[in-house]
Protein backbone atom coordinates (compact mmCIF):
# COMPACT_ATOMS: atom_id res chain seq x y z
CA UNK A 1 40.72 -32.06 -6.30
CA UNK A 2 42.84 -29.17 -4.99
CA UNK A 3 43.23 -27.79 -8.53
CA UNK A 4 39.35 -28.69 -9.45
CA UNK A 5 37.93 -25.81 -6.84
CA UNK A 6 40.35 -23.41 -8.19
CA UNK A 7 39.88 -24.07 -11.68
CA UNK A 8 36.24 -23.58 -10.11
CA UNK A 9 36.76 -20.34 -8.15
CA UNK A 10 38.03 -18.66 -10.59
CA UNK A 11 35.86 -19.58 -13.32
CA UNK A 12 33.59 -17.65 -10.79
CA UNK A 13 35.00 -14.88 -10.00
CA UNK A 14 36.43 -15.34 -13.82
CA UNK A 15 32.49 -14.74 -13.93
CA UNK A 16 31.19 -12.54 -11.20
CA UNK A 17 33.85 -9.68 -12.05
CA UNK A 18 33.10 -10.13 -15.89
CA UNK A 19 28.67 -8.85 -15.12
CA UNK A 20 30.16 -6.18 -11.90
CA UNK A 21 31.97 -5.14 -15.37
CA UNK A 22 29.36 -5.60 -18.12
CA UNK A 23 27.24 -3.49 -15.97
CA UNK A 24 29.08 -0.82 -15.18
CA UNK A 25 29.63 -0.65 -19.09
CA UNK A 26 26.07 -0.47 -20.35
CA UNK A 27 25.67 2.22 -17.20
CA UNK A 28 28.19 4.78 -19.65
CA UNK A 29 26.53 3.87 -22.67
CA UNK A 30 24.27 6.77 -24.06
CA UNK A 31 21.27 4.46 -23.28
CA UNK A 32 22.19 4.40 -19.73
CA UNK A 33 23.11 7.26 -19.09
CA UNK A 34 19.93 8.70 -19.92
CA UNK A 35 17.89 6.23 -18.77
CA UNK A 36 19.84 6.98 -15.48
CA UNK A 37 18.70 10.75 -15.55
CA UNK A 38 15.40 10.04 -16.36
CA UNK A 39 14.77 8.20 -13.25
CA UNK A 40 16.92 11.02 -11.20
CA UNK A 41 14.01 13.77 -13.38
CA UNK A 42 11.48 11.57 -12.19
CA UNK A 43 12.59 11.52 -8.70
CA UNK A 44 12.94 15.13 -8.46
CA UNK A 45 9.39 15.59 -10.34
CA UNK A 46 8.34 12.93 -7.51
CA UNK A 47 9.91 15.04 -4.77
CA UNK A 48 8.48 18.87 -6.48
CA UNK A 49 5.25 17.04 -6.10
CA UNK A 50 5.42 17.00 -2.75
CA UNK A 51 6.15 19.95 -1.58
CA UNK A 52 4.33 21.85 -3.59
CA UNK A 53 0.96 18.91 -1.95
CA UNK A 54 3.10 20.08 1.46
CA UNK A 55 2.29 23.30 1.17
CA UNK A 56 -0.88 23.32 -0.12
CA UNK A 57 -2.27 21.53 2.64
CA UNK A 58 -0.36 24.27 5.63
CA UNK A 59 -1.61 26.98 3.36
CA UNK A 60 -4.94 26.09 3.69
CA UNK A 61 -4.88 24.87 7.11
CA UNK A 62 -3.57 28.46 8.52
CA UNK A 63 -6.62 29.99 5.82
CA UNK A 64 -8.98 28.38 7.83
CA UNK A 65 -6.66 29.85 11.05
CA UNK A 66 -6.78 32.92 9.99
CA UNK A 67 -10.82 33.28 8.84
CA UNK A 68 -12.08 31.95 12.26
CA UNK A 69 -9.65 34.23 13.71
CA UNK A 70 -10.90 37.71 11.71
CA UNK A 71 -14.36 35.56 11.56
CA UNK A 72 -14.64 35.93 8.22
CA UNK A 73 -15.22 31.93 8.35
CA UNK A 74 -19.37 33.02 9.08
CA UNK A 75 -19.21 32.66 12.81
CA UNK A 76 -19.15 36.52 13.27
CA UNK A 77 -19.50 37.05 17.03
CA UNK A 78 -17.88 33.96 19.10
CA UNK A 79 -15.42 34.56 21.77
CA UNK A 80 -12.08 32.67 22.10
CA UNK A 81 -11.84 30.61 25.31
CA UNK A 82 -8.58 30.95 26.15
């Protein structure tokens, strides 16, 4: 019974090691490396897109503040109550 347990344990560990090594080997192939680089570039593009959207939003808010403070928003003669 003990031998059967250790045999099953050895087979299980061996299968896990082979699967892990296969995944690592796949990542080191040209196709695997290209996939990793492609995913990284897609993530970078998303980050740049989000940054640009944040900058546009902040720019719009600041422009509205400047227009209001200079009277260019169409409300001439508005008195600030601070």
